[in-house]
Amino acid sequence: MKEKVSKKFQEIYGSGAVMFASPGRINLIGEHTDYNGGFVFPGAVDKGIVAAIKLNGTDKVRAYALDLEESSEFGLNEEDKPAESWARYIFGVCREVQKRGGKIGGFDTVFAGDVPLGAGMSSSAALESTYAFALNDLYSLGIDKFELAKIGQSTEHNYCGVNCGIMDQFASVFGKKGNLIRLDCRSLEYAYFPFDPKGYKLVLLDSRVKHELVGSPYNDRRASCERVAKMLGQEFLRGATMEQLDAIKDKISEEDYKRARYVIGEEKRVLDVCDALEKGDYETVGKRMYETHWGMSKDYEVSCEELDFLAEVAEACGVTGSRIMGGGFGGCTINLVKDELYDNFIATAKKRFNEKYGHEPKVYEVVISDGSRRLE
C-alpha cells in the first residue's frame, strides 16, 4: 500500500512526500464500559491508513483519496469546511491542531487504507490519527500523544457529527506490537499487557449485516446505566458490585437491572482477562469472551440473530473465545482460535452462515501491531 500511495503522490504532486501510517483497532473485551467510567482493552492492528504528505507553502490543503479516486481542496479557516465527508476528517484535524495553538500551513496529500469499512475497526480514527501525528511531526509542534488522540476525538465531535469516546483514537496512537492496552476511561491511566498468543490466531468474522437502529438504542442503554448509578449514589456504574445492585433490584425496572448487571460483569471480565494474559492463560481469556457475548446478547440486548449464530458455530467448532466486537446490532465477531482448528472453523462458519443467511461472512485475520508512526 505504501508504494501505491507514494506512486500516486508522485503522479499528482511530484516528489518529496513524507509517509505516515496509523492503524485501525480491535477491542478484545470491555464493550459499553467506556461511558460507564470503566475499562476498555483495545490493541492496534496490522491494517490501517497510509498517507503521503508534503508541505506546499500555501494556506490550502490539496487531498486525494486513492480508494475513492476523489480529490478535495480546502483552506484552513472554519468557513472552509469541505463538501466531501472524507475530507472533513482531515480538515477537522487541521482545525483542532490550530485551536490548540499549532501553527500549520497547507499541504498536498494522498492516502489509502486497508481497514475493512463497516467491520468496527475504526478506519476514521486511523485517518484522524495519521494526520494529527503527521502535522505534529512535520511542523515540530510538540503535542503529546494523548492530545493527538483527543484531536481525533474532537474532530469526530465537531466536524463529523459522531459523539464518540476516546478508545479508537487512543488505540491508534498508542498501539504497540505484541501488546494490548488497558485504558481506564475514568482516569485515562493505561497499561500495556503482553498479547502474543503462540498457537492461536485472532480472526474477525464480518456478518456483513447492519441492522437499522430504530430510535436510539445506545442512548436508551446509557440512560439505564445512569439511572442505576444514581440510585447507587454514584456518577458511573464503575466500581459497583452485584451485591449493591441486588440490594436495589426492587426499586428499578427489570430492564435497568439487566443493563447494569451486564456492565458490572464486564468490568470484572476485563480485569480477569488482564490477569489471565499475564499468566499466558488464553483459555480463561476465551471463556470471558463468550461470557461477554452472551451478556451483550441477553442482558444488554445489542446482539442480533446473525452474531449469536456465529458465536454458536464458534463454540461448536471448539473455538477458544468468540464475541461480538463493537456496539452491536450487526458487524463482526472477534474469535480466538487454536491454529489446528482454524481451517475447519472458517470453512464451517462460511458454509453454515451461507446456508442460513444466503451470503458468507468476510474473514479478516488480525495481528496486534504498532500505533501512529512515520514510515522510513
Protein backbone atom coordinates (compact mmCIF):
# COMPACT_ATOMS: atom_id res chain seq x y z
CA MET A 1 0.00 0.00 0.00
CA LYS A 2 2.90 2.35 0.81
CA GLU A 3 4.28 2.01 -2.74
CA LYS A 4 0.83 2.57 -4.27
CA VAL A 5 0.27 5.77 -2.27
CA SER A 6 3.78 7.05 -2.95
CA LYS A 7 3.43 6.42 -6.70
CA LYS A 8 0.09 8.23 -6.88
CA PHE A 9 1.51 11.19 -4.96
CA GLN A 10 4.37 11.50 -7.45
CA GLU A 11 1.91 11.36 -10.36
CA ILE A 12 -0.26 14.18 -8.99
CA TYR A 13 2.02 16.39 -6.88
CA GLY A 14 5.60 15.40 -7.67
CA SER A 15 8.38 14.16 -5.39
CA GLY A 16 9.41 14.85 -1.80
CA ALA A 17 6.50 13.42 0.20
CA VAL A 18 6.94 12.00 3.69
CA MET A 19 5.00 8.82 4.50
CA PHE A 20 2.95 8.25 7.65
CA ALA A 21 0.70 5.43 8.90
CA SER A 22 -1.83 4.77 11.65
CA PRO A 23 -3.65 1.52 12.43
CA GLY A 24 -7.24 0.51 12.97
CA ARG A 25 -8.01 -1.33 16.17
CA ILE A 26 -9.75 -4.27 17.75
CA ASN A 27 -11.13 -4.36 21.28
CA LEU A 28 -10.59 -7.78 22.86
CA ILE A 29 -13.04 -7.20 25.71
CA GLY A 30 -14.66 -4.25 27.53
CA GLU A 31 -17.71 -3.23 25.50
CA HIS A 32 -20.15 -0.46 26.51
CA THR A 33 -17.89 0.19 29.50
CA ASP A 34 -16.37 3.47 28.29
CA TYR A 35 -19.36 5.70 29.10
CA ASN A 36 -19.73 3.89 32.43
CA GLY A 37 -16.28 5.04 33.57
CA GLY A 38 -14.90 1.52 33.21
CA PHE A 39 -12.04 -0.18 31.36
CA VAL A 40 -11.57 -0.98 27.68
CA PHE A 41 -8.92 -3.31 26.30
CA PRO A 42 -8.00 -2.45 22.71
CA GLY A 43 -5.00 -3.13 20.51
CA ALA A 44 -3.80 -1.64 17.23
CA VAL A 45 -3.92 -3.97 14.21
CA ASP A 46 -1.85 -4.56 11.09
CA LYS A 47 -4.40 -2.76 8.89
CA GLY A 48 -4.82 0.98 8.71
CA ILE A 49 -4.27 4.19 6.76
CA VAL A 50 -1.11 5.21 4.89
CA ALA A 51 -0.62 8.81 3.76
CA ALA A 52 1.99 10.68 1.69
CA ILE A 53 2.26 14.32 2.76
CA LYS A 54 4.31 17.29 1.59
CA LEU A 55 4.05 20.88 2.83
CA ASN A 56 3.19 23.13 -0.12
CA GLY A 57 3.91 26.62 1.25
CA THR A 58 0.33 27.85 0.71
CA ASP A 59 -2.68 28.10 3.02
CA LYS A 60 -4.54 25.40 1.08
CA VAL A 61 -4.76 21.64 1.55
CA ARG A 62 -4.97 19.55 -1.62
CA ALA A 63 -6.01 16.00 -0.81
CA TYR A 64 -6.61 12.87 -2.85
CA ALA A 65 -8.44 9.80 -1.50
CA LEU A 66 -6.94 6.95 -3.53
CA ASP A 67 -9.54 4.32 -2.62
CA LEU A 68 -12.39 6.61 -3.71
CA GLU A 69 -10.47 8.27 -6.55
CA GLU A 70 -11.72 11.65 -5.32
CA SER A 71 -9.90 14.90 -4.67
CA SER A 72 -10.68 17.87 -2.45
CA GLU A 73 -9.14 21.30 -1.93
CA PHE A 74 -9.84 23.46 1.10
CA GLY A 75 -8.47 26.31 3.22
CA LEU A 76 -7.68 26.21 6.92
CA ASN A 77 -10.33 28.59 8.28
CA GLU A 78 -13.58 27.49 9.91
CA GLU A 79 -15.67 28.60 6.93
CA ASP A 80 -13.57 26.47 4.51
CA LYS A 81 -15.19 23.16 5.57
CA PRO A 82 -15.05 20.85 2.52
CA ALA A 83 -18.12 19.25 0.92
CA GLU A 84 -16.65 15.72 0.79
CA SER A 85 -17.33 13.81 4.01
CA TRP A 86 -13.92 12.05 3.97
CA ALA A 87 -12.12 15.40 3.59
CA ARG A 88 -13.82 16.71 6.75
CA TYR A 89 -11.72 14.31 8.82
CA ILE A 90 -8.51 15.93 7.52
CA PHE A 91 -9.97 19.43 7.74
CA GLY A 92 -11.20 18.76 11.30
CA VAL A 93 -7.75 17.60 12.39
CA CYS A 94 -6.18 20.78 10.95
CA ARG A 95 -8.72 22.94 12.79
CA GLU A 96 -8.31 21.07 16.08
CA VAL A 97 -4.50 21.43 15.85
CA GLN A 98 -4.94 25.19 15.24
CA LYS A 99 -7.35 25.52 18.20
CA ARG A 100 -4.55 24.13 20.39
CA GLY A 101 -2.15 26.81 19.17
CA GLY A 102 -0.43 24.73 16.47
CA LYS A 103 0.86 26.91 13.62
CA ILE A 104 0.34 24.97 10.39
CA GLY A 105 0.05 25.72 6.67
CA GLY A 106 -1.16 23.99 3.55
CA PHE A 107 -0.01 20.61 2.27
CA ASP A 108 -0.54 18.13 -0.53
CA THR A 109 -1.55 14.60 0.41
CA VAL A 110 -2.63 11.22 -0.94
CA PHE A 111 -3.96 8.48 1.35
CA ALA A 112 -5.34 4.96 1.16
CA GLY A 113 -6.48 2.37 3.66
CA ASP A 114 -6.92 -1.37 4.14
CA VAL A 115 -9.09 -1.20 7.27
CA PRO A 116 -12.29 -3.01 6.27
CA LEU A 117 -15.11 -0.45 6.29
CA GLY A 118 -18.09 -1.26 8.48
CA ALA A 119 -16.24 -4.00 10.35
CA GLY A 120 -15.92 -1.93 13.52
CA MET A 121 -12.15 -1.50 13.25
CA SER A 122 -12.22 2.31 13.28
CA SER A 123 -10.97 3.43 9.90
CA SER A 124 -11.99 7.01 10.76
CA ALA A 125 -9.82 7.05 13.90
CA ALA A 126 -6.90 5.71 11.83
CA LEU A 127 -7.37 8.56 9.34
CA GLU A 128 -7.51 11.22 12.07
CA SER A 129 -4.51 9.80 13.91
CA THR A 130 -2.42 9.71 10.72
CA TYR A 131 -2.92 13.43 10.05
CA ALA A 132 -2.65 14.53 13.69
CA PHE A 133 0.62 12.60 14.05
CA ALA A 134 1.94 13.86 10.68
CA LEU A 135 1.22 17.55 11.31
CA ASN A 136 2.78 17.30 14.76
CA ASP A 137 5.88 15.71 13.21
CA LEU A 138 6.23 17.93 10.10
CA TYR A 139 5.69 21.20 11.99
CA SER A 140 7.55 20.09 15.18
CA LEU A 141 4.57 21.15 17.29
CA GLY A 142 5.49 19.13 20.39
CA ILE A 143 1.94 17.91 21.02
CA ASP A 144 1.90 14.84 23.30
CA LYS A 145 0.31 11.55 22.26
CA PHE A 146 -2.73 11.94 24.50
CA GLU A 147 -3.52 15.29 22.93
CA LEU A 148 -3.13 13.74 19.45
CA ALA A 149 -5.80 11.17 20.39
CA LYS A 150 -8.04 13.96 21.71
CA ILE A 151 -7.58 15.90 18.46
CA GLY A 152 -9.02 12.89 16.62
CA GLN A 153 -11.89 12.57 19.08
CA SER A 154 -12.70 16.32 18.83
CA THR A 155 -12.65 16.03 15.04
CA GLU A 156 -15.40 13.40 15.24
CA HIS A 157 -17.43 15.52 17.67
CA ASN A 158 -17.06 18.89 15.95
CA TYR A 159 -16.73 18.11 12.24
CA CYS A 160 -18.19 14.63 11.62
CA GLY A 161 -21.20 14.58 13.98
CA VAL A 162 -20.16 11.48 15.94
CA ASN A 163 -20.14 11.75 19.74
CA CYS A 164 -17.53 9.00 20.26
CA GLY A 165 -15.39 8.09 23.24
CA ILE A 166 -11.58 8.23 23.23
CA MET A 167 -10.82 4.49 22.79
CA ASP A 168 -10.45 4.30 18.99
CA GLN A 169 -8.06 7.24 18.61
CA PHE A 170 -6.18 6.23 21.76
CA ALA A 171 -5.56 2.71 20.43
CA SER A 172 -4.50 4.05 17.04
CA VAL A 173 -1.93 6.47 18.50
CA PHE A 174 -0.66 4.35 21.44
CA GLY A 175 -0.68 0.89 19.79
CA LYS A 176 2.34 -1.33 20.47
CA LYS A 177 3.20 -4.56 18.67
CA GLY A 178 2.51 -7.69 20.73
CA ASN A 179 0.57 -5.75 23.38
CA LEU A 180 -2.99 -4.83 24.24
CA ILE A 181 -3.71 -1.67 26.22
CA ARG A 182 -5.95 -1.48 29.25
CA LEU A 183 -7.34 2.05 29.32
CA ASP A 184 -9.18 3.35 32.37
CA CYS A 185 -11.88 5.56 30.81
CA ARG A 186 -12.35 7.47 34.05
CA SER A 187 -8.75 8.44 34.88
CA LEU A 188 -7.23 7.86 31.39
CA GLU A 189 -4.45 5.83 33.03
CA TYR A 190 -3.27 2.99 30.82
CA ALA A 191 -1.06 -0.08 30.95
CA TYR A 192 0.29 -2.47 28.30
CA PHE A 193 -0.34 -6.21 28.61
CA PRO A 194 1.51 -8.83 26.53
CA PHE A 195 -0.61 -10.41 23.82
CA ASP A 196 1.34 -12.84 21.72
CA PRO A 197 -0.77 -15.99 21.67
CA LYS A 198 1.55 -18.69 20.33
CA GLY A 199 -0.53 -21.39 18.69
CA TYR A 200 -3.61 -19.17 18.30
CA LYS A 201 -4.95 -16.85 15.63
CA LEU A 202 -7.13 -13.79 16.14
CA VAL A 203 -9.74 -13.52 13.40
CA LEU A 204 -12.77 -11.34 12.73
CA LEU A 205 -15.86 -12.73 11.04
CA ASP A 206 -17.84 -9.90 9.50
CA SER A 207 -21.52 -10.84 9.27
CA ARG A 208 -21.96 -8.10 6.61
CA VAL A 209 -25.24 -7.17 8.25
CA LYS A 210 -26.06 -3.84 9.83
CA HIS A 211 -29.49 -3.62 11.40
CA GLU A 212 -31.29 -0.31 11.19
CA LEU A 213 -31.37 1.12 14.67
CA VAL A 214 -34.89 2.29 15.32
CA GLY A 215 -34.97 5.05 17.93
CA SER A 216 -31.79 5.48 19.94
CA PRO A 217 -30.77 2.14 21.48
CA TYR A 218 -27.37 3.46 22.60
CA ASN A 219 -28.86 6.45 24.35
CA ASP A 220 -31.52 4.24 25.96
CA ARG A 221 -28.87 1.92 27.38
CA ARG A 222 -26.73 4.78 28.54
CA ALA A 223 -29.76 6.29 30.31
CA SER A 224 -30.45 2.92 32.02
CA CYS A 225 -26.88 2.83 33.34
CA GLU A 226 -27.08 6.44 34.53
CA ARG A 227 -30.36 5.80 36.37
CA VAL A 228 -28.91 2.80 38.23
CA ALA A 229 -25.67 4.65 39.06
CA LYS A 230 -27.75 7.50 40.52
CA MET A 231 -29.77 5.05 42.64
CA LEU A 232 -26.44 3.74 43.96
CA GLY A 233 -25.28 7.28 44.71
CA GLN A 234 -22.52 7.15 42.07
CA GLU A 235 -21.71 9.15 38.95
CA PHE A 236 -20.91 5.99 36.96
CA LEU A 237 -21.57 2.26 37.37
CA ARG A 238 -17.80 1.78 37.65
CA GLY A 239 -16.88 0.02 40.88
CA ALA A 240 -20.45 -1.05 41.71
CA THR A 241 -20.90 -4.65 42.88
CA MET A 242 -23.60 -7.23 42.18
CA GLU A 243 -24.48 -7.13 45.91
CA GLN A 244 -25.18 -3.39 45.67
CA LEU A 245 -27.24 -3.93 42.52
CA ASP A 246 -29.28 -6.75 44.06
CA ALA A 247 -29.99 -4.55 47.09
CA ILE A 248 -31.87 -2.04 44.89
CA LYS A 249 -33.38 -4.59 42.50
CA ASP A 250 -36.97 -3.93 43.62
CA LYS A 251 -36.55 -0.15 43.14
CA ILE A 252 -35.52 -0.29 39.48
CA SER A 253 -37.04 -1.72 36.31
CA GLU A 254 -36.16 -5.22 35.13
CA GLU A 255 -34.58 -3.67 32.03
CA ASP A 256 -32.36 -1.28 34.02
CA TYR A 257 -31.34 -4.19 36.27
CA LYS A 258 -30.24 -6.31 33.29
CA ARG A 259 -28.30 -3.44 31.68
CA ALA A 260 -26.43 -2.77 34.92
CA ARG A 261 -25.79 -6.49 35.52
CA TYR A 262 -24.03 -6.68 32.16
CA VAL A 263 -21.84 -3.60 32.81
CA ILE A 264 -20.83 -4.69 36.34
CA GLY A 265 -19.94 -8.15 35.00
CA GLU A 266 -17.99 -6.69 32.09
CA GLU A 267 -15.80 -4.57 34.37
CA LYS A 268 -14.74 -7.73 36.23
CA ARG A 269 -14.22 -9.67 32.98
CA VAL A 270 -11.74 -7.07 31.67
CA LEU A 271 -9.67 -7.35 34.85
CA ASP A 272 -9.86 -11.17 34.74
CA VAL A 273 -8.54 -11.13 31.16
CA CYS A 274 -5.64 -8.85 32.15
CA ASP A 275 -4.67 -11.26 34.94
CA ALA A 276 -5.01 -14.26 32.61
CA LEU A 277 -2.79 -12.68 29.93
CA GLU A 278 -0.02 -12.06 32.44
CA LYS A 279 -0.07 -15.82 33.11
CA GLY A 280 -0.38 -16.73 29.41
CA ASP A 281 -3.75 -18.34 30.21
CA TYR A 282 -5.66 -18.00 26.94
CA GLU A 283 -8.36 -20.49 27.97
CA THR A 284 -9.64 -18.05 30.61
CA VAL A 285 -9.42 -15.20 28.09
CA GLY A 286 -11.65 -17.23 25.76
CA LYS A 287 -14.21 -18.09 28.46
CA ARG A 288 -14.59 -14.41 29.36
CA MET A 289 -15.09 -13.53 25.68
CA TYR A 290 -18.05 -15.94 25.44
CA GLU A 291 -19.47 -14.54 28.69
CA THR A 292 -19.26 -11.03 27.23
CA HIS A 293 -21.03 -12.16 24.07
CA TRP A 294 -23.98 -13.70 25.87
CA GLY A 295 -24.12 -10.79 28.32
CA MET A 296 -24.37 -8.38 25.38
CA SER A 297 -26.97 -10.64 23.77
CA LYS A 298 -29.25 -11.44 26.73
CA ASP A 299 -28.74 -8.62 29.25
CA TYR A 300 -27.65 -5.64 27.17
CA GLU A 301 -29.65 -6.79 24.13
CA VAL A 302 -27.34 -5.32 21.49
CA SER A 303 -26.63 -8.52 19.57
CA CYS A 304 -28.61 -9.86 16.63
CA GLU A 305 -29.53 -13.29 15.35
CA GLU A 306 -26.62 -13.48 12.88
CA LEU A 307 -23.95 -12.66 15.50
CA ASP A 308 -25.44 -15.11 18.00
CA PHE A 309 -25.34 -17.73 15.24
CA LEU A 310 -21.62 -17.05 14.58
CA ALA A 311 -20.84 -17.34 18.32
CA GLU A 312 -22.71 -20.67 18.47
CA VAL A 313 -20.81 -22.00 15.43
CA ALA A 314 -17.52 -20.94 17.09
CA GLU A 315 -18.44 -22.81 20.26
CA ALA A 316 -19.46 -25.92 18.30
CA CYS A 317 -16.09 -25.85 16.46
CA GLY A 318 -14.14 -25.69 19.74
CA VAL A 319 -13.02 -22.08 19.26
CA THR A 320 -11.37 -20.81 22.47
CA GLY A 321 -13.24 -17.48 22.59
CA SER A 322 -15.78 -15.60 20.48
CA ARG A 323 -17.90 -12.49 20.95
CA ILE A 324 -19.50 -9.52 19.24
CA MET A 325 -16.99 -6.73 18.74
CA GLY A 326 -18.21 -3.16 18.81
CA GLY A 327 -21.54 -1.60 19.68
CA GLY A 328 -23.64 -4.45 18.30
CA PHE A 329 -26.70 -4.78 16.03
CA GLY A 330 -24.52 -6.24 13.27
CA GLY A 331 -20.88 -6.13 12.31
CA CYS A 332 -18.26 -8.63 13.46
CA THR A 333 -17.42 -11.32 15.92
CA ILE A 334 -13.83 -11.48 17.19
CA ASN A 335 -12.52 -15.03 17.63
CA LEU A 336 -9.51 -16.54 19.39
CA VAL A 337 -8.86 -19.81 17.57
CA LYS A 338 -6.25 -22.55 18.03
CA ASP A 339 -4.12 -22.94 14.89
CA GLU A 340 -5.11 -26.59 14.36
CA LEU A 341 -8.85 -25.73 14.47
CA TYR A 342 -8.62 -22.63 12.29
CA ASP A 343 -9.21 -24.03 8.79
CA ASN A 344 -12.17 -26.15 9.88
CA PHE A 345 -13.73 -23.27 11.81
CA ILE A 346 -13.52 -20.84 8.88
CA ALA A 347 -14.86 -23.39 6.39
CA THR A 348 -17.71 -24.41 8.71
CA ALA A 349 -18.66 -20.83 9.60
CA LYS A 350 -18.75 -19.80 5.93
CA LYS A 351 -20.79 -22.84 4.88
CA ARG A 352 -23.33 -22.75 7.71
CA PHE A 353 -23.78 -18.98 7.62
CA ASN A 354 -24.27 -19.05 3.86
CA GLU A 355 -26.86 -21.86 4.14
CA LYS A 356 -28.82 -19.86 6.72
CA TYR A 357 -28.42 -16.25 5.53
CA GLY A 358 -27.58 -16.50 1.84
CA HIS A 359 -24.08 -15.00 1.98
CA GLU A 360 -20.73 -15.83 3.54
CA PRO A 361 -19.19 -13.76 6.33
CA LYS A 362 -15.98 -11.92 5.41
CA VAL A 363 -12.84 -13.16 7.18
CA TYR A 364 -10.12 -10.85 8.49
CA GLU A 365 -7.08 -12.21 10.29
CA VAL A 366 -5.53 -9.56 12.50
CA VAL A 367 -2.13 -9.20 14.15
CA ILE A 368 -1.54 -6.76 17.03
CA SER A 369 0.78 -4.04 15.73
CA ASP A 370 2.30 -0.60 16.32
CA GLY A 371 0.48 2.74 16.53
CA SER A 372 0.89 6.00 14.54
CA ARG A 373 4.33 6.38 13.02
CA ARG A 374 6.47 7.96 10.33
CA LEU A 375 7.44 5.41 7.67
CA GLU A 376 11.08 5.49 6.67
